[in-house]
Amino acid sequence: MIFIHLTVTGARFGEVSNLRYEDFDFENETIFIRGGKTVNAKRTVEISHADSQHIQSQIERLRINLNGTFLKRSNTAVKSHFRYALDKAGIKGHKILHSLRHTHITYLIDKGVDDEHVSKRVDHANINITREFYGHRFNSSKESSESIVKDILNSIENNDTL
């Protein structure tokens, strides 16, 4: 369950392990992240309809800890389980839990989400951190955006709709 939350939010392990039932708004398909490393770490992130339904169906079977959290697991235990799952799947290479966060960020960028939105969603202290670590991904998005703009302009010229 914790891997799903890490993957669909791009949140850090500590942020996800502190989620409480009241942080989930299944009607609006959002998760409230209480905070992480920065001053503005509290944020609400959108999740897909399918992810919201899946999480909602799984959430009731989990026990609530005394402090209201339900995903509280040691980082060591979760990392060990993550590595085990990757080994069983035959996945080689770097096996760090934080890679789920990097994958989330890269996926959003590759799908055309702008750097400011990505930066806020994953609680980077400032947009320059996002640009520094993922700038090469934005360059490919830029090329894609330029191609889309060119196609739009060509369609306008061809249809003479201006």
N, C-alpha and C. Protein backbone atom coordinates (compact mmCIF):
# COMPACT_ATOMS: atom_id res chain seq x y z
N MET A 1 0.81 -1.20 0.00
CA MET A 1 0.00 0.00 0.00
C MET A 1 0.86 1.27 0.00
N ILE A 2 1.94 1.25 0.73
CA ILE A 2 2.78 2.45 0.81
C ILE A 2 3.44 2.76 -0.53
N PHE A 3 3.72 1.73 -1.33
CA PHE A 3 4.34 1.95 -2.64
C PHE A 3 3.38 2.68 -3.58
N ILE A 4 2.10 2.40 -3.47
CA ILE A 4 1.10 3.09 -4.29
C ILE A 4 1.11 4.58 -3.96
N HIS A 5 1.10 4.90 -2.67
CA HIS A 5 1.09 6.30 -2.26
C HIS A 5 2.35 7.03 -2.71
N LEU A 6 3.50 6.38 -2.59
CA LEU A 6 4.75 6.99 -3.04
C LEU A 6 4.71 7.25 -4.54
N THR A 7 4.19 6.30 -5.28
CA THR A 7 4.17 6.39 -6.73
C THR A 7 3.20 7.44 -7.25
N VAL A 8 1.99 7.49 -6.70
CA VAL A 8 0.98 8.40 -7.26
C VAL A 8 1.09 9.84 -6.75
N THR A 9 1.84 10.06 -5.68
CA THR A 9 1.97 11.42 -5.17
C THR A 9 3.34 12.04 -5.41
N GLY A 10 4.37 11.22 -5.55
CA GLY A 10 5.72 11.75 -5.65
C GLY A 10 6.23 12.25 -4.32
N ALA A 11 5.53 11.93 -3.25
CA ALA A 11 5.91 12.38 -1.91
C ALA A 11 7.10 11.59 -1.38
N ARG A 12 7.72 12.15 -0.38
CA ARG A 12 8.84 11.48 0.28
C ARG A 12 8.31 10.39 1.22
N PHE A 13 9.17 9.44 1.57
CA PHE A 13 8.77 8.35 2.44
C PHE A 13 8.18 8.86 3.75
N GLY A 14 8.85 9.80 4.39
CA GLY A 14 8.38 10.33 5.66
C GLY A 14 7.02 10.98 5.57
N GLU A 15 6.74 11.63 4.44
CA GLU A 15 5.45 12.27 4.24
C GLU A 15 4.34 11.22 4.10
N VAL A 16 4.62 10.18 3.35
CA VAL A 16 3.63 9.13 3.13
C VAL A 16 3.40 8.31 4.39
N SER A 17 4.47 8.04 5.12
CA SER A 17 4.30 7.21 6.32
C SER A 17 3.52 7.93 7.41
N ASN A 18 3.37 9.24 7.28
CA ASN A 18 2.60 10.00 8.27
C ASN A 18 1.18 10.33 7.81
N LEU A 19 0.75 9.78 6.69
CA LEU A 19 -0.61 10.03 6.23
C LEU A 19 -1.62 9.50 7.24
N ARG A 20 -2.73 10.21 7.36
CA ARG A 20 -3.83 9.81 8.23
C ARG A 20 -5.08 9.64 7.38
N TYR A 21 -6.05 8.97 7.90
CA TYR A 21 -7.29 8.77 7.17
C TYR A 21 -7.90 10.09 6.70
N GLU A 22 -7.86 11.09 7.56
CA GLU A 22 -8.49 12.37 7.22
C GLU A 22 -7.74 13.12 6.11
N ASP A 23 -6.57 12.65 5.72
CA ASP A 23 -5.81 13.30 4.65
C ASP A 23 -6.33 12.93 3.26
N PHE A 24 -7.20 11.93 3.20
CA PHE A 24 -7.72 11.47 1.92
C PHE A 24 -9.09 12.09 1.67
N ASP A 25 -9.24 12.70 0.52
CA ASP A 25 -10.54 13.24 0.10
C ASP A 25 -10.92 12.49 -1.17
N PHE A 26 -11.64 11.40 -0.99
CA PHE A 26 -11.97 10.54 -2.13
C PHE A 26 -12.97 11.18 -3.07
N GLU A 27 -13.81 12.06 -2.55
CA GLU A 27 -14.78 12.75 -3.40
C GLU A 27 -14.07 13.65 -4.41
N ASN A 28 -13.05 14.37 -3.95
CA ASN A 28 -12.30 15.29 -4.82
C ASN A 28 -11.02 14.65 -5.39
N GLU A 29 -10.78 13.41 -5.01
CA GLU A 29 -9.63 12.64 -5.49
C GLU A 29 -8.31 13.37 -5.22
N THR A 30 -8.11 13.70 -3.93
CA THR A 30 -6.89 14.37 -3.50
C THR A 30 -6.36 13.74 -2.22
N ILE A 31 -5.09 13.98 -1.99
CA ILE A 31 -4.43 13.57 -0.74
C ILE A 31 -3.72 14.79 -0.18
N PHE A 32 -3.96 15.07 1.08
CA PHE A 32 -3.28 16.17 1.76
C PHE A 32 -1.97 15.65 2.34
N ILE A 33 -0.88 16.27 1.94
CA ILE A 33 0.45 15.91 2.44
C ILE A 33 0.78 16.90 3.55
N ARG A 34 0.97 16.38 4.75
CA ARG A 34 1.16 17.23 5.94
C ARG A 34 2.44 18.04 5.93
N GLY A 35 3.46 17.55 5.31
CA GLY A 35 4.67 18.33 5.31
C GLY A 35 5.91 17.49 5.19
N GLY A 36 6.96 18.15 4.80
CA GLY A 36 8.22 17.47 4.59
C GLY A 36 9.38 18.35 4.97
N LYS A 37 10.20 18.65 3.99
CA LYS A 37 11.46 19.32 4.26
C LYS A 37 11.40 20.84 4.21
N THR A 38 10.40 21.41 3.58
CA THR A 38 10.40 22.85 3.39
C THR A 38 9.29 23.52 4.20
N VAL A 39 9.36 24.85 4.24
CA VAL A 39 8.39 25.64 4.99
C VAL A 39 6.98 25.46 4.41
N ASN A 40 6.89 25.35 3.10
CA ASN A 40 5.59 25.24 2.43
C ASN A 40 5.25 23.79 2.08
N ALA A 41 5.70 22.87 2.91
CA ALA A 41 5.57 21.45 2.59
C ALA A 41 4.14 20.95 2.61
N LYS A 42 3.26 21.61 3.34
CA LYS A 42 1.86 21.17 3.36
C LYS A 42 1.25 21.48 2.00
N ARG A 43 0.64 20.44 1.41
CA ARG A 43 0.08 20.62 0.08
C ARG A 43 -0.97 19.55 -0.18
N THR A 44 -1.80 19.81 -1.14
CA THR A 44 -2.81 18.85 -1.56
C THR A 44 -2.46 18.42 -2.98
N VAL A 45 -2.37 17.12 -3.20
CA VAL A 45 -2.04 16.62 -4.53
C VAL A 45 -3.23 15.83 -5.09
N GLU A 46 -3.42 15.98 -6.38
CA GLU A 46 -4.48 15.29 -7.08
C GLU A 46 -4.02 13.88 -7.40
N ILE A 47 -4.97 12.95 -7.40
CA ILE A 47 -4.68 11.59 -7.84
C ILE A 47 -5.75 11.19 -8.84
N SER A 48 -5.48 10.16 -9.60
CA SER A 48 -6.43 9.73 -10.61
C SER A 48 -7.66 9.09 -9.97
N HIS A 49 -8.70 9.01 -10.74
CA HIS A 49 -9.94 8.37 -10.27
C HIS A 49 -9.68 6.91 -9.91
N ALA A 50 -8.96 6.20 -10.78
CA ALA A 50 -8.66 4.78 -10.52
C ALA A 50 -7.83 4.61 -9.26
N ASP A 51 -6.81 5.47 -9.07
CA ASP A 51 -5.99 5.38 -7.87
C ASP A 51 -6.81 5.69 -6.62
N SER A 52 -7.67 6.68 -6.72
CA SER A 52 -8.53 7.03 -5.58
C SER A 52 -9.42 5.86 -5.19
N GLN A 53 -10.03 5.23 -6.17
CA GLN A 53 -10.90 4.09 -5.89
C GLN A 53 -10.12 2.92 -5.29
N HIS A 54 -8.93 2.67 -5.84
CA HIS A 54 -8.12 1.56 -5.33
C HIS A 54 -7.70 1.82 -3.88
N ILE A 55 -7.23 3.02 -3.61
CA ILE A 55 -6.79 3.36 -2.26
C ILE A 55 -7.97 3.28 -1.29
N GLN A 56 -9.11 3.80 -1.71
CA GLN A 56 -10.29 3.76 -0.85
C GLN A 56 -10.70 2.32 -0.53
N SER A 57 -10.60 1.44 -1.52
CA SER A 57 -11.00 0.05 -1.27
C SER A 57 -10.02 -0.67 -0.35
N GLN A 58 -8.77 -0.25 -0.35
CA GLN A 58 -7.75 -0.90 0.47
C GLN A 58 -7.64 -0.32 1.88
N ILE A 59 -8.01 0.93 2.01
CA ILE A 59 -7.72 1.67 3.23
C ILE A 59 -8.45 1.15 4.47
N GLU A 60 -9.65 0.66 4.30
CA GLU A 60 -10.45 0.23 5.45
C GLU A 60 -9.92 -1.05 6.11
N ARG A 61 -9.17 -1.82 5.38
CA ARG A 61 -8.68 -3.06 5.98
C ARG A 61 -7.40 -2.86 6.80
N LEU A 62 -6.86 -1.65 6.80
CA LEU A 62 -5.64 -1.37 7.54
C LEU A 62 -5.94 -0.92 8.96
N ARG A 63 -5.11 -1.32 9.86
CA ARG A 63 -5.27 -0.91 11.27
C ARG A 63 -4.81 0.53 11.46
N ILE A 64 -5.50 1.25 12.32
CA ILE A 64 -5.10 2.62 12.66
C ILE A 64 -4.16 2.55 13.85
N ASN A 65 -3.02 3.21 13.74
CA ASN A 65 -2.11 3.31 14.89
C ASN A 65 -2.69 4.32 15.87
N LEU A 66 -2.19 4.35 17.08
CA LEU A 66 -2.71 5.24 18.11
C LEU A 66 -2.67 6.71 17.69
N ASN A 67 -1.68 7.09 16.87
CA ASN A 67 -1.59 8.49 16.46
C ASN A 67 -2.41 8.79 15.21
N GLY A 68 -3.20 7.82 14.73
CA GLY A 68 -4.08 8.05 13.59
C GLY A 68 -3.49 7.67 12.25
N THR A 69 -2.22 7.35 12.21
CA THR A 69 -1.61 6.96 10.95
C THR A 69 -1.85 5.48 10.71
N PHE A 70 -1.73 5.07 9.48
CA PHE A 70 -1.95 3.66 9.18
C PHE A 70 -0.87 3.07 8.28
N LEU A 71 0.02 3.89 7.78
CA LEU A 71 1.10 3.41 6.92
C LEU A 71 2.45 3.45 7.64
N LYS A 72 2.42 3.65 8.93
CA LYS A 72 3.65 3.80 9.69
C LYS A 72 4.45 2.50 9.69
N ARG A 73 5.50 2.49 8.94
CA ARG A 73 6.42 1.36 8.86
C ARG A 73 7.83 1.94 8.90
N SER A 74 8.77 1.15 9.34
CA SER A 74 10.14 1.65 9.38
C SER A 74 10.67 1.77 7.95
N ASN A 75 11.49 2.77 7.75
CA ASN A 75 12.10 2.98 6.44
C ASN A 75 12.90 1.75 6.04
N THR A 76 13.58 1.14 6.98
CA THR A 76 14.39 -0.05 6.71
C THR A 76 13.52 -1.20 6.22
N ALA A 77 12.40 -1.42 6.86
CA ALA A 77 11.51 -2.51 6.47
C ALA A 77 10.94 -2.28 5.07
N VAL A 78 10.53 -1.06 4.80
CA VAL A 78 9.95 -0.75 3.49
C VAL A 78 11.01 -0.86 2.39
N LYS A 79 12.21 -0.35 2.65
CA LYS A 79 13.30 -0.46 1.66
C LYS A 79 13.62 -1.92 1.38
N SER A 80 13.65 -2.72 2.41
CA SER A 80 13.93 -4.15 2.25
C SER A 80 12.86 -4.83 1.39
N HIS A 81 11.62 -4.52 1.66
CA HIS A 81 10.51 -5.09 0.89
C HIS A 81 10.57 -4.63 -0.57
N PHE A 82 10.91 -3.36 -0.78
CA PHE A 82 11.03 -2.79 -2.12
C PHE A 82 12.11 -3.52 -2.92
N ARG A 83 13.27 -3.69 -2.29
CA ARG A 83 14.37 -4.41 -2.97
C ARG A 83 13.99 -5.85 -3.27
N TYR A 84 13.31 -6.49 -2.33
CA TYR A 84 12.88 -7.87 -2.53
C TYR A 84 11.92 -7.96 -3.72
N ALA A 85 10.97 -7.04 -3.79
CA ALA A 85 10.00 -7.04 -4.90
C ALA A 85 10.69 -6.82 -6.23
N LEU A 86 11.66 -5.91 -6.27
CA LEU A 86 12.40 -5.67 -7.52
C LEU A 86 13.23 -6.89 -7.91
N ASP A 87 13.85 -7.53 -6.93
CA ASP A 87 14.62 -8.75 -7.21
C ASP A 87 13.71 -9.84 -7.78
N LYS A 88 12.54 -10.03 -7.15
CA LYS A 88 11.59 -11.06 -7.62
C LYS A 88 11.11 -10.77 -9.04
N ALA A 89 11.02 -9.49 -9.38
CA ALA A 89 10.57 -9.10 -10.72
C ALA A 89 11.71 -9.12 -11.73
N GLY A 90 12.93 -9.41 -11.24
CA GLY A 90 14.09 -9.46 -12.13
C GLY A 90 14.59 -8.10 -12.56
N ILE A 91 14.26 -7.07 -11.80
CA ILE A 91 14.68 -5.72 -12.14
C ILE A 91 16.07 -5.46 -11.56
N LYS A 92 16.97 -5.09 -12.42
CA LYS A 92 18.36 -4.83 -12.03
C LYS A 92 18.57 -3.33 -11.81
N GLY A 93 19.71 -2.98 -11.29
CA GLY A 93 20.08 -1.57 -11.16
C GLY A 93 19.85 -1.03 -9.77
N HIS A 94 19.78 0.29 -9.74
CA HIS A 94 19.61 1.03 -8.49
C HIS A 94 18.29 0.68 -7.84
N LYS A 95 18.31 0.26 -6.61
CA LYS A 95 17.08 -0.16 -5.93
C LYS A 95 16.85 0.67 -4.68
N ILE A 96 16.63 1.96 -4.89
CA ILE A 96 16.35 2.83 -3.76
C ILE A 96 14.89 3.28 -3.81
N LEU A 97 14.28 3.36 -2.67
CA LEU A 97 12.88 3.72 -2.56
C LEU A 97 12.60 5.09 -3.16
N HIS A 98 13.54 5.99 -3.02
CA HIS A 98 13.39 7.36 -3.52
C HIS A 98 13.24 7.39 -5.04
N SER A 99 13.60 6.29 -5.71
CA SER A 99 13.47 6.25 -7.17
C SER A 99 12.01 6.34 -7.60
N LEU A 100 11.07 5.95 -6.73
CA LEU A 100 9.65 6.11 -7.06
C LEU A 100 9.29 7.59 -7.20
N ARG A 101 9.89 8.41 -6.35
CA ARG A 101 9.69 9.87 -6.43
C ARG A 101 10.26 10.42 -7.73
N HIS A 102 11.47 9.99 -8.06
CA HIS A 102 12.10 10.46 -9.31
C HIS A 102 11.28 10.02 -10.53
N THR A 103 10.77 8.81 -10.48
CA THR A 103 9.96 8.31 -11.58
C THR A 103 8.69 9.14 -11.73
N HIS A 104 8.05 9.46 -10.61
CA HIS A 104 6.84 10.28 -10.61
C HIS A 104 7.12 11.64 -11.27
N ILE A 105 8.18 12.28 -10.84
CA ILE A 105 8.54 13.60 -11.36
C ILE A 105 8.85 13.53 -12.85
N THR A 106 9.66 12.56 -13.24
CA THR A 106 10.03 12.41 -14.64
C THR A 106 8.82 12.15 -15.52
N TYR A 107 7.93 11.30 -15.03
CA TYR A 107 6.71 10.98 -15.80
C TYR A 107 5.88 12.25 -16.04
N LEU A 108 5.68 13.05 -14.99
CA LEU A 108 4.89 14.28 -15.14
C LEU A 108 5.53 15.23 -16.15
N ILE A 109 6.83 15.38 -16.04
CA ILE A 109 7.54 16.27 -16.96
C ILE A 109 7.41 15.76 -18.39
N ASP A 110 7.61 14.47 -18.58
CA ASP A 110 7.52 13.89 -19.93
C ASP A 110 6.12 14.00 -20.51
N LYS A 111 5.11 14.10 -19.65
CA LYS A 111 3.73 14.25 -20.12
C LYS A 111 3.36 15.72 -20.32
N GLY A 112 4.32 16.63 -20.09
CA GLY A 112 4.09 18.04 -20.40
C GLY A 112 3.68 18.92 -19.24
N VAL A 113 3.74 18.41 -18.01
CA VAL A 113 3.40 19.24 -16.85
C VAL A 113 4.54 20.24 -16.65
N ASP A 114 4.19 21.52 -16.46
CA ASP A 114 5.22 22.55 -16.37
C ASP A 114 6.02 22.44 -15.07
N ASP A 115 7.23 22.99 -15.11
CA ASP A 115 8.17 22.87 -14.00
C ASP A 115 7.67 23.48 -12.71
N GLU A 116 6.90 24.55 -12.78
CA GLU A 116 6.39 25.19 -11.56
C GLU A 116 5.39 24.27 -10.84
N HIS A 117 4.50 23.66 -11.60
CA HIS A 117 3.52 22.76 -10.99
C HIS A 117 4.21 21.53 -10.39
N VAL A 118 5.14 20.96 -11.12
CA VAL A 118 5.87 19.79 -10.62
C VAL A 118 6.60 20.15 -9.33
N SER A 119 7.27 21.29 -9.33
CA SER A 119 8.03 21.73 -8.16
C SER A 119 7.15 21.86 -6.92
N LYS A 120 5.98 22.45 -7.08
CA LYS A 120 5.06 22.62 -5.95
C LYS A 120 4.47 21.27 -5.52
N ARG A 121 4.13 20.43 -6.48
CA ARG A 121 3.51 19.14 -6.17
C ARG A 121 4.41 18.28 -5.31
N VAL A 122 5.71 18.31 -5.59
CA VAL A 122 6.64 17.42 -4.87
C VAL A 122 7.42 18.14 -3.78
N ASP A 123 7.06 19.40 -3.51
CA ASP A 123 7.64 20.16 -2.42
C ASP A 123 9.15 20.39 -2.56
N HIS A 124 9.56 20.80 -3.75
CA HIS A 124 10.94 21.27 -3.86
C HIS A 124 10.98 22.67 -3.26
N ALA A 125 12.05 22.99 -2.57
CA ALA A 125 12.17 24.27 -1.87
C ALA A 125 11.98 25.44 -2.83
N ASN A 126 12.43 25.27 -4.06
CA ASN A 126 12.21 26.29 -5.08
C ASN A 126 12.28 25.63 -6.45
N ILE A 127 11.82 26.34 -7.43
CA ILE A 127 11.72 25.79 -8.79
C ILE A 127 13.09 25.46 -9.38
N ASN A 128 14.13 26.13 -8.89
CA ASN A 128 15.47 25.87 -9.41
C ASN A 128 15.95 24.45 -9.12
N ILE A 129 15.49 23.88 -8.01
CA ILE A 129 15.84 22.49 -7.70
C ILE A 129 15.26 21.57 -8.76
N THR A 130 14.01 21.79 -9.09
CA THR A 130 13.37 20.99 -10.13
C THR A 130 14.10 21.15 -11.45
N ARG A 131 14.42 22.36 -11.80
CA ARG A 131 15.12 22.63 -13.07
C ARG A 131 16.52 22.04 -13.07
N GLU A 132 17.21 22.11 -11.92
CA GLU A 132 18.58 21.60 -11.85
C GLU A 132 18.63 20.08 -12.04
N PHE A 133 17.76 19.37 -11.35
CA PHE A 133 17.80 17.91 -11.39
C PHE A 133 17.09 17.32 -12.60
N TYR A 134 16.10 18.02 -13.13
CA TYR A 134 15.28 17.46 -14.21
C TYR A 134 15.28 18.32 -15.46
N GLY A 135 16.19 19.30 -15.54
CA GLY A 135 16.23 20.22 -16.67
C GLY A 135 16.35 19.52 -18.01
N HIS A 136 17.11 18.45 -18.05
CA HIS A 136 17.26 17.71 -19.32
C HIS A 136 15.93 17.13 -19.77
N ARG A 137 15.03 16.80 -18.84
CA ARG A 137 13.72 16.28 -19.19
C ARG A 137 12.85 17.39 -19.77
N PHE A 138 12.96 18.60 -19.22
CA PHE A 138 12.19 19.72 -19.73
C PHE A 138 12.61 20.07 -21.15
N ASN A 139 13.88 19.88 -21.46
CA ASN A 139 14.35 20.15 -22.82
C ASN A 139 13.63 19.27 -23.82
N SER A 140 13.42 18.00 -23.46
CA SER A 140 12.70 17.12 -24.38
C SER A 140 11.23 17.54 -24.45
N SER A 141 10.67 18.02 -23.34
CA SER A 141 9.30 18.52 -23.35
C SER A 141 9.21 19.77 -24.20
N LYS A 142 10.25 20.59 -24.14
CA LYS A 142 10.28 21.82 -24.92
C LYS A 142 10.23 21.49 -26.41
N GLU A 143 11.02 20.49 -26.81
CA GLU A 143 11.02 20.09 -28.21
C GLU A 143 9.64 19.58 -28.61
N SER A 144 9.02 18.82 -27.73
CA SER A 144 7.68 18.31 -27.99
C SER A 144 6.68 19.46 -28.08
N SER A 145 6.80 20.43 -27.17
CA SER A 145 5.91 21.59 -27.18
C SER A 145 6.08 22.39 -28.46
N GLU A 146 7.33 22.55 -28.91
CA GLU A 146 7.58 23.28 -30.15
C GLU A 146 6.94 22.57 -31.33
N SER A 147 6.99 21.26 -31.33
CA SER A 147 6.36 20.47 -32.39
C SER A 147 4.85 20.65 -32.36
N ILE A 148 4.27 20.65 -31.17
CA ILE A 148 2.82 20.83 -31.02
C ILE A 148 2.41 22.22 -31.51
N VAL A 149 3.18 23.24 -31.12
CA VAL A 149 2.89 24.60 -31.55
C VAL A 149 2.96 24.70 -33.06
N LYS A 150 3.98 24.09 -33.63
CA LYS A 150 4.14 24.12 -35.09
C LYS A 150 2.94 23.45 -35.77
N ASP A 151 2.50 22.32 -35.23
CA ASP A 151 1.33 21.63 -35.78
C ASP A 151 0.08 22.51 -35.68
N ILE A 152 -0.09 23.19 -34.55
CA ILE A 152 -1.25 24.07 -34.37
C ILE A 152 -1.21 25.21 -35.38
N LEU A 153 -0.05 25.82 -35.51
CA LEU A 153 0.08 26.93 -36.46
C LEU A 153 -0.14 26.47 -37.89
N ASN A 154 0.36 25.28 -38.21
CA ASN A 154 0.14 24.75 -39.56
C ASN A 154 -1.34 24.48 -39.80
N SER A 155 -2.04 23.98 -38.77
CA SER A 155 -3.46 23.72 -38.96
C SER A 155 -4.24 25.02 -39.13
N ILE A 156 -3.81 26.08 -38.45
CA ILE A 156 -4.46 27.37 -38.61
C ILE A 156 -4.25 27.88 -40.04
N GLU A 157 -3.02 27.77 -40.52
CA GLU A 157 -2.73 28.22 -41.90
C GLU A 157 -3.54 27.42 -42.91
N ASN A 158 -3.62 26.11 -42.69
CA ASN A 158 -4.35 25.25 -43.63
C ASN A 158 -5.84 25.48 -43.61
N ASN A 159 -6.38 25.82 -42.44
CA ASN A 159 -7.82 26.05 -42.33
C ASN A 159 -8.20 27.51 -42.52
N ASP A 160 -7.21 28.38 -42.48
CA ASP A 160 -7.43 29.81 -42.66
C ASP A 160 -8.52 30.32 -41.71
N THR A 161 -8.45 29.92 -40.42
CA THR A 161 -9.51 30.26 -39.47
C THR A 161 -9.27 31.53 -38.67
N LEU A 162 -8.15 32.19 -38.86
CA LEU A 162 -7.88 33.39 -38.06
C LEU A 162 -8.60 34.59 -38.56
